[in-house]
């Protein structure tokens, strides 16, 4: 099951970046 669990971590961690990237730029501007 490790490939699936590592893939879940990969997807969910990048979902966090998908939220914070625009938040950082928009708030700063």
ModelCIF file with pLDDT and N, C-alpha, C, O atoms, coordinates in Angstrom:
data_MODEL
#
_entry.id   MODEL 
#
_entity.id                         1 
_entity.type                       polymer 
_entity.pdbx_number_of_molecules   1 
#
_entity_poly.entity_id                      1 
_entity_poly.type                           'polypeptide(L)' 
_entity_poly.nstd_linkage                   no 
_entity_poly.nstd_monomer                   no 
_entity_poly.pdbx_seq_one_letter_code       
;(UNK)(UNK)(UNK)(UNK)(UNK)(UNK)(UNK)(UNK)(UNK)(UNK)(UNK)(UNK)(UNK)(UNK)(UNK)(UNK)
(UNK)(UNK)(UNK)(UNK)(UNK)(UNK)(UNK)(UNK)(UNK)(UNK)(UNK)(UNK)(UNK)
;
_entity_poly.pdbx_seq_one_letter_code_can   XXXXXXXXXXXXXXXXXXXXXXXXXXXXX 
_entity_poly.pdbx_strand_id                 A 
#
loop_
_entity_poly_seq.entity_id 
_entity_poly_seq.num 
_entity_poly_seq.mon_id 
_entity_poly_seq.hetero 
1 1  UNK n 
1 2  UNK n 
1 3  UNK n 
1 4  UNK n 
1 5  UNK n 
1 6  UNK n 
1 7  UNK n 
1 8  UNK n 
1 9  UNK n 
1 10 UNK n 
1 11 UNK n 
1 12 UNK n 
1 13 UNK n 
1 14 UNK n 
1 15 UNK n 
1 16 UNK n 
1 17 UNK n 
1 18 UNK n 
1 19 UNK n 
1 20 UNK n 
1 21 UNK n 
1 22 UNK n 
1 23 UNK n 
1 24 UNK n 
1 25 UNK n 
1 26 UNK n 
1 27 UNK n 
1 28 UNK n 
1 29 UNK n 
#
_struct_asym.id          A 
_struct_asym.entity_id   1 
#
loop_
_ma_qa_metric.id 
_ma_qa_metric.mode 
_ma_qa_metric.name 
_ma_qa_metric.software_group_id 
_ma_qa_metric.type 
1 global pLDDT . pLDDT 
2 local  pLDDT . pLDDT 
#
_ma_qa_metric_global.metric_id      1 
_ma_qa_metric_global.metric_value   87.76 
_ma_qa_metric_global.model_id       1 
_ma_qa_metric_global.ordinal_id     1 
#
loop_
_ma_qa_metric_local.label_asym_id 
_ma_qa_metric_local.label_comp_id 
_ma_qa_metric_local.label_seq_id 
_ma_qa_metric_local.metric_id 
_ma_qa_metric_local.metric_value 
_ma_qa_metric_local.model_id 
_ma_qa_metric_local.ordinal_id 
A UNK 1  2 81.00 1 1  
A UNK 2  2 83.00 1 2  
A UNK 3  2 81.00 1 3  
A UNK 4  2 83.00 1 4  
A UNK 5  2 89.00 1 5  
A UNK 6  2 86.00 1 6  
A UNK 7  2 85.00 1 7  
A UNK 8  2 89.00 1 8  
A UNK 9  2 90.00 1 9  
A UNK 10 2 86.00 1 10 
A UNK 11 2 89.00 1 11 
A UNK 12 2 93.00 1 12 
A UNK 13 2 92.00 1 13 
A UNK 14 2 89.00 1 14 
A UNK 15 2 92.00 1 15 
A UNK 16 2 94.00 1 16 
A UNK 17 2 91.00 1 17 
A UNK 18 2 89.00 1 18 
A UNK 19 2 90.00 1 19 
A UNK 20 2 90.00 1 20 
A UNK 21 2 86.00 1 21 
A UNK 22 2 87.00 1 22 
A UNK 23 2 89.00 1 23 
A UNK 24 2 88.00 1 24 
A UNK 25 2 85.00 1 25 
A UNK 26 2 87.00 1 26 
A UNK 27 2 89.00 1 27 
A UNK 28 2 88.00 1 28 
A UNK 29 2 84.00 1 29 
#
loop_
_atom_site.group_PDB 
_atom_site.id 
_atom_site.type_symbol 
_atom_site.label_atom_id 
_atom_site.label_alt_id 
_atom_site.label_comp_id 
_atom_site.label_asym_id 
_atom_site.label_entity_id 
_atom_site.label_seq_id 
_atom_site.pdbx_PDB_ins_code 
_atom_site.Cartn_x 
_atom_site.Cartn_y 
_atom_site.Cartn_z 
_atom_site.occupancy 
_atom_site.B_iso_or_equiv 
_atom_site.pdbx_formal_charge 
_atom_site.auth_seq_id 
_atom_site.auth_comp_id 
_atom_site.auth_asym_id 
_atom_site.auth_atom_id 
_atom_site.pdbx_PDB_model_num 
ATOM 1   N N  . UNK A 1 1  ? 0.810  -1.222 0.000  1.00 81.00 ? 1  UNK A N  1 
ATOM 2   C CA . UNK A 1 1  ? 0.000  0.000  0.000  1.00 81.00 ? 1  UNK A CA 1 
ATOM 3   C C  . UNK A 1 1  ? 0.844  1.274  0.000  1.00 81.00 ? 1  UNK A C  1 
ATOM 4   O O  . UNK A 1 1  ? 0.301  2.371  -0.136 1.00 81.00 ? 1  UNK A O  1 
ATOM 5   N N  . UNK A 1 2  ? 2.148  1.147  0.149  1.00 83.00 ? 2  UNK A N  1 
ATOM 6   C CA . UNK A 1 2  ? 2.977  2.352  0.289  1.00 83.00 ? 2  UNK A CA 1 
ATOM 7   C C  . UNK A 1 2  ? 2.907  3.290  -0.909 1.00 83.00 ? 2  UNK A C  1 
ATOM 8   O O  . UNK A 1 2  ? 2.824  4.502  -0.707 1.00 83.00 ? 2  UNK A O  1 
ATOM 9   N N  . UNK A 1 3  ? 2.937  2.792  -2.161 1.00 81.00 ? 3  UNK A N  1 
ATOM 10  C CA . UNK A 1 3  ? 2.816  3.758  -3.264 1.00 81.00 ? 3  UNK A CA 1 
ATOM 11  C C  . UNK A 1 3  ? 1.554  4.600  -3.176 1.00 81.00 ? 3  UNK A C  1 
ATOM 12  O O  . UNK A 1 3  ? 1.592  5.800  -3.447 1.00 81.00 ? 3  UNK A O  1 
ATOM 13  N N  . UNK A 1 4  ? 0.425  3.981  -2.796 1.00 83.00 ? 4  UNK A N  1 
ATOM 14  C CA . UNK A 1 4  ? -0.834 4.729  -2.693 1.00 83.00 ? 4  UNK A CA 1 
ATOM 15  C C  . UNK A 1 4  ? -0.784 5.736  -1.551 1.00 83.00 ? 4  UNK A C  1 
ATOM 16  O O  . UNK A 1 4  ? -1.294 6.847  -1.692 1.00 83.00 ? 4  UNK A O  1 
ATOM 17  N N  . UNK A 1 5  ? -0.181 5.369  -0.422 1.00 89.00 ? 5  UNK A N  1 
ATOM 18  C CA . UNK A 1 5  ? -0.119 6.275  0.725  1.00 89.00 ? 5  UNK A CA 1 
ATOM 19  C C  . UNK A 1 5  ? 0.870  7.405  0.462  1.00 89.00 ? 5  UNK A C  1 
ATOM 20  O O  . UNK A 1 5  ? 0.591  8.554  0.805  1.00 89.00 ? 5  UNK A O  1 
ATOM 21  N N  . UNK A 1 6  ? 2.010  7.105  -0.136 1.00 86.00 ? 6  UNK A N  1 
ATOM 22  C CA . UNK A 1 6  ? 2.946  8.170  -0.513 1.00 86.00 ? 6  UNK A CA 1 
ATOM 23  C C  . UNK A 1 6  ? 2.312  9.099  -1.546 1.00 86.00 ? 6  UNK A C  1 
ATOM 24  O O  . UNK A 1 6  ? 2.541  10.308 -1.518 1.00 86.00 ? 6  UNK A O  1 
ATOM 25  N N  . UNK A 1 7  ? 1.514  8.537  -2.458 1.00 85.00 ? 7  UNK A N  1 
ATOM 26  C CA . UNK A 1 7  ? 0.815  9.372  -3.445 1.00 85.00 ? 7  UNK A CA 1 
ATOM 27  C C  . UNK A 1 7  ? -0.206 10.275 -2.767 1.00 85.00 ? 7  UNK A C  1 
ATOM 28  O O  . UNK A 1 7  ? -0.379 11.426 -3.169 1.00 85.00 ? 7  UNK A O  1 
ATOM 29  N N  . UNK A 1 8  ? -0.884 9.762  -1.740 1.00 89.00 ? 8  UNK A N  1 
ATOM 30  C CA . UNK A 1 8  ? -1.841 10.587 -0.998 1.00 89.00 ? 8  UNK A CA 1 
ATOM 31  C C  . UNK A 1 8  ? -1.132 11.753 -0.311 1.00 89.00 ? 8  UNK A C  1 
ATOM 32  O O  . UNK A 1 8  ? -1.621 12.883 -0.338 1.00 89.00 ? 8  UNK A O  1 
ATOM 33  N N  . UNK A 1 9  ? 0.020  11.480 0.304  1.00 90.00 ? 9  UNK A N  1 
ATOM 34  C CA . UNK A 1 9  ? 0.795  12.554 0.921  1.00 90.00 ? 9  UNK A CA 1 
ATOM 35  C C  . UNK A 1 9  ? 1.242  13.572 -0.123 1.00 90.00 ? 9  UNK A C  1 
ATOM 36  O O  . UNK A 1 9  ? 1.191  14.778 0.118  1.00 90.00 ? 9  UNK A O  1 
ATOM 37  N N  . UNK A 1 10 ? 1.677  13.090 -1.270 1.00 86.00 ? 10 UNK A N  1 
ATOM 38  C CA . UNK A 1 10 ? 2.116  13.975 -2.350 1.00 86.00 ? 10 UNK A CA 1 
ATOM 39  C C  . UNK A 1 10 ? 0.979  14.886 -2.788 1.00 86.00 ? 10 UNK A C  1 
ATOM 40  O O  . UNK A 1 10 ? 1.173  16.091 -2.954 1.00 86.00 ? 10 UNK A O  1 
ATOM 41  N N  . UNK A 1 11 ? -0.215 14.312 -2.975 1.00 89.00 ? 11 UNK A N  1 
ATOM 42  C CA . UNK A 1 11 ? -1.362 15.094 -3.445 1.00 89.00 ? 11 UNK A CA 1 
ATOM 43  C C  . UNK A 1 11 ? -1.839 16.070 -2.374 1.00 89.00 ? 11 UNK A C  1 
ATOM 44  O O  . UNK A 1 11 ? -2.060 17.245 -2.666 1.00 89.00 ? 11 UNK A O  1 
ATOM 45  N N  . UNK A 1 12 ? -1.999 15.603 -1.152 1.00 93.00 ? 12 UNK A N  1 
ATOM 46  C CA . UNK A 1 12 ? -2.553 16.452 -0.101 1.00 93.00 ? 12 UNK A CA 1 
ATOM 47  C C  . UNK A 1 12 ? -1.582 17.562 0.305  1.00 93.00 ? 12 UNK A C  1 
ATOM 48  O O  . UNK A 1 12 ? -2.009 18.679 0.595  1.00 93.00 ? 12 UNK A O  1 
ATOM 49  N N  . UNK A 1 13 ? -0.289 17.266 0.327  1.00 92.00 ? 13 UNK A N  1 
ATOM 50  C CA . UNK A 1 13 ? 0.675  18.319 0.670  1.00 92.00 ? 13 UNK A CA 1 
ATOM 51  C C  . UNK A 1 13 ? 0.694  19.401 -0.399 1.00 92.00 ? 13 UNK A C  1 
ATOM 52  O O  . UNK A 1 13 ? 0.814  20.584 -0.081 1.00 92.00 ? 13 UNK A O  1 
ATOM 53  N N  . UNK A 1 14 ? 0.577  19.009 -1.656 1.00 89.00 ? 14 UNK A N  1 
ATOM 54  C CA . UNK A 1 14 ? 0.549  20.016 -2.719 1.00 89.00 ? 14 UNK A CA 1 
ATOM 55  C C  . UNK A 1 14 ? -0.789 20.748 -2.777 1.00 89.00 ? 14 UNK A C  1 
ATOM 56  O O  . UNK A 1 14 ? -0.853 21.874 -3.270 1.00 89.00 ? 14 UNK A O  1 
ATOM 57  N N  . UNK A 1 15 ? -1.859 20.122 -2.279 1.00 92.00 ? 15 UNK A N  1 
ATOM 58  C CA . UNK A 1 15 ? -3.121 20.850 -2.145 1.00 92.00 ? 15 UNK A CA 1 
ATOM 59  C C  . UNK A 1 15 ? -2.964 22.002 -1.151 1.00 92.00 ? 15 UNK A C  1 
ATOM 60  O O  . UNK A 1 15 ? -3.553 23.068 -1.329 1.00 92.00 ? 15 UNK A O  1 
ATOM 61  N N  . UNK A 1 16 ? -2.170 21.781 -0.111 1.00 94.00 ? 16 UNK A N  1 
ATOM 62  C CA . UNK A 1 16 ? -1.881 22.869 0.840  1.00 94.00 ? 16 UNK A CA 1 
ATOM 63  C C  . UNK A 1 16 ? -1.141 24.011 0.147  1.00 94.00 ? 16 UNK A C  1 
ATOM 64  O O  . UNK A 1 16 ? -1.447 25.183 0.368  1.00 94.00 ? 16 UNK A O  1 
ATOM 65  N N  . UNK A 1 17 ? -0.165 23.662 -0.693 1.00 91.00 ? 17 UNK A N  1 
ATOM 66  C CA . UNK A 1 17 ? 0.561  24.703 -1.439 1.00 91.00 ? 17 UNK A CA 1 
ATOM 67  C C  . UNK A 1 17 ? -0.364 25.419 -2.419 1.00 91.00 ? 17 UNK A C  1 
ATOM 68  O O  . UNK A 1 17 ? -0.226 26.622 -2.642 1.00 91.00 ? 17 UNK A O  1 
ATOM 69  N N  . UNK A 1 18 ? -1.290 24.690 -2.994 1.00 89.00 ? 18 UNK A N  1 
ATOM 70  C CA . UNK A 1 18 ? -2.238 25.300 -3.929 1.00 89.00 ? 18 UNK A CA 1 
ATOM 71  C C  . UNK A 1 18 ? -3.086 26.361 -3.228 1.00 89.00 ? 18 UNK A C  1 
ATOM 72  O O  . UNK A 1 18 ? -3.552 27.307 -3.863 1.00 89.00 ? 18 UNK A O  1 
ATOM 73  N N  . UNK A 1 19 ? -3.281 26.203 -1.930 1.00 90.00 ? 19 UNK A N  1 
ATOM 74  C CA . UNK A 1 19 ? -3.996 27.207 -1.133 1.00 90.00 ? 19 UNK A CA 1 
ATOM 75  C C  . UNK A 1 19 ? -3.088 28.364 -0.733 1.00 90.00 ? 19 UNK A C  1 
ATOM 76  O O  . UNK A 1 19 ? -3.474 29.527 -0.852 1.00 90.00 ? 19 UNK A O  1 
ATOM 77  N N  . UNK A 1 20 ? -1.881 28.052 -0.258 1.00 90.00 ? 20 UNK A N  1 
ATOM 78  C CA . UNK A 1 20 ? -1.048 29.101 0.343  1.00 90.00 ? 20 UNK A CA 1 
ATOM 79  C C  . UNK A 1 20 ? -0.263 29.928 -0.670 1.00 90.00 ? 20 UNK A C  1 
ATOM 80  O O  . UNK A 1 20 ? 0.045  31.090 -0.401 1.00 90.00 ? 20 UNK A O  1 
ATOM 81  N N  . UNK A 1 21 ? 0.065  29.360 -1.824 1.00 86.00 ? 21 UNK A N  1 
ATOM 82  C CA . UNK A 1 21 ? 0.754  30.151 -2.856 1.00 86.00 ? 21 UNK A CA 1 
ATOM 83  C C  . UNK A 1 21 ? -0.038 31.417 -3.216 1.00 86.00 ? 21 UNK A C  1 
ATOM 84  O O  . UNK A 1 21 ? 0.488  32.521 -3.073 1.00 86.00 ? 21 UNK A O  1 
ATOM 85  N N  . UNK A 1 22 ? -1.292 31.281 -3.680 1.00 87.00 ? 22 UNK A N  1 
ATOM 86  C CA . UNK A 1 22 ? -2.038 32.502 -4.032 1.00 87.00 ? 22 UNK A CA 1 
ATOM 87  C C  . UNK A 1 22 ? -2.348 33.363 -2.808 1.00 87.00 ? 22 UNK A C  1 
ATOM 88  O O  . UNK A 1 22 ? -2.401 34.589 -2.913 1.00 87.00 ? 22 UNK A O  1 
ATOM 89  N N  . UNK A 1 23 ? -2.552 32.732 -1.651 1.00 89.00 ? 23 UNK A N  1 
ATOM 90  C CA . UNK A 1 23 ? -2.834 33.496 -0.435 1.00 89.00 ? 23 UNK A CA 1 
ATOM 91  C C  . UNK A 1 23 ? -1.664 34.409 -0.081 1.00 89.00 ? 23 UNK A C  1 
ATOM 92  O O  . UNK A 1 23 ? -1.862 35.564 0.296  1.00 89.00 ? 23 UNK A O  1 
ATOM 93  N N  . UNK A 1 24 ? -0.443 33.886 -0.205 1.00 88.00 ? 24 UNK A N  1 
ATOM 94  C CA . UNK A 1 24 ? 0.741  34.693 0.101  1.00 88.00 ? 24 UNK A CA 1 
ATOM 95  C C  . UNK A 1 24 ? 0.876  35.863 -0.861 1.00 88.00 ? 24 UNK A C  1 
ATOM 96  O O  . UNK A 1 24 ? 1.142  36.988 -0.436 1.00 88.00 ? 24 UNK A O  1 
ATOM 97  N N  . UNK A 1 25 ? 0.694  35.609 -2.155 1.00 85.00 ? 25 UNK A N  1 
ATOM 98  C CA . UNK A 1 25 ? 0.839  36.673 -3.141 1.00 85.00 ? 25 UNK A CA 1 
ATOM 99  C C  . UNK A 1 25 ? -0.262 37.709 -3.054 1.00 85.00 ? 25 UNK A C  1 
ATOM 100 O O  . UNK A 1 25 ? 0.005  38.909 -3.121 1.00 85.00 ? 25 UNK A O  1 
ATOM 101 N N  . UNK A 1 26 ? -1.500 37.254 -2.903 1.00 87.00 ? 26 UNK A N  1 
ATOM 102 C CA . UNK A 1 26 ? -2.635 38.184 -2.866 1.00 87.00 ? 26 UNK A CA 1 
ATOM 103 C C  . UNK A 1 26 ? -2.599 39.050 -1.620 1.00 87.00 ? 26 UNK A C  1 
ATOM 104 O O  . UNK A 1 26 ? -2.820 40.258 -1.705 1.00 87.00 ? 26 UNK A O  1 
ATOM 105 N N  . UNK A 1 27 ? -2.325 38.458 -0.460 1.00 89.00 ? 27 UNK A N  1 
ATOM 106 C CA . UNK A 1 27 ? -2.308 39.217 0.788  1.00 89.00 ? 27 UNK A CA 1 
ATOM 107 C C  . UNK A 1 27 ? -1.182 40.242 0.786  1.00 89.00 ? 27 UNK A C  1 
ATOM 108 O O  . UNK A 1 27 ? -1.361 41.376 1.232  1.00 89.00 ? 27 UNK A O  1 
ATOM 109 N N  . UNK A 1 28 ? -0.024 39.836 0.281  1.00 88.00 ? 28 UNK A N  1 
ATOM 110 C CA . UNK A 1 28 ? 1.117  40.756 0.214  1.00 88.00 ? 28 UNK A CA 1 
ATOM 111 C C  . UNK A 1 28 ? 0.792  41.945 -0.689 1.00 88.00 ? 28 UNK A C  1 
ATOM 112 O O  . UNK A 1 28 ? 1.104  43.089 -0.356 1.00 88.00 ? 28 UNK A O  1 
ATOM 113 N N  . UNK A 1 29 ? 0.173  41.672 -1.818 1.00 84.00 ? 29 UNK A N  1 
ATOM 114 C CA . UNK A 1 29 ? -0.141 42.736 -2.776 1.00 84.00 ? 29 UNK A CA 1 
ATOM 115 C C  . UNK A 1 29 ? -1.241 43.654 -2.256 1.00 84.00 ? 29 UNK A C  1 
ATOM 116 O O  . UNK A 1 29 ? -1.627 44.603 -2.939 1.00 84.00 ? 29 UNK A O  1 
#
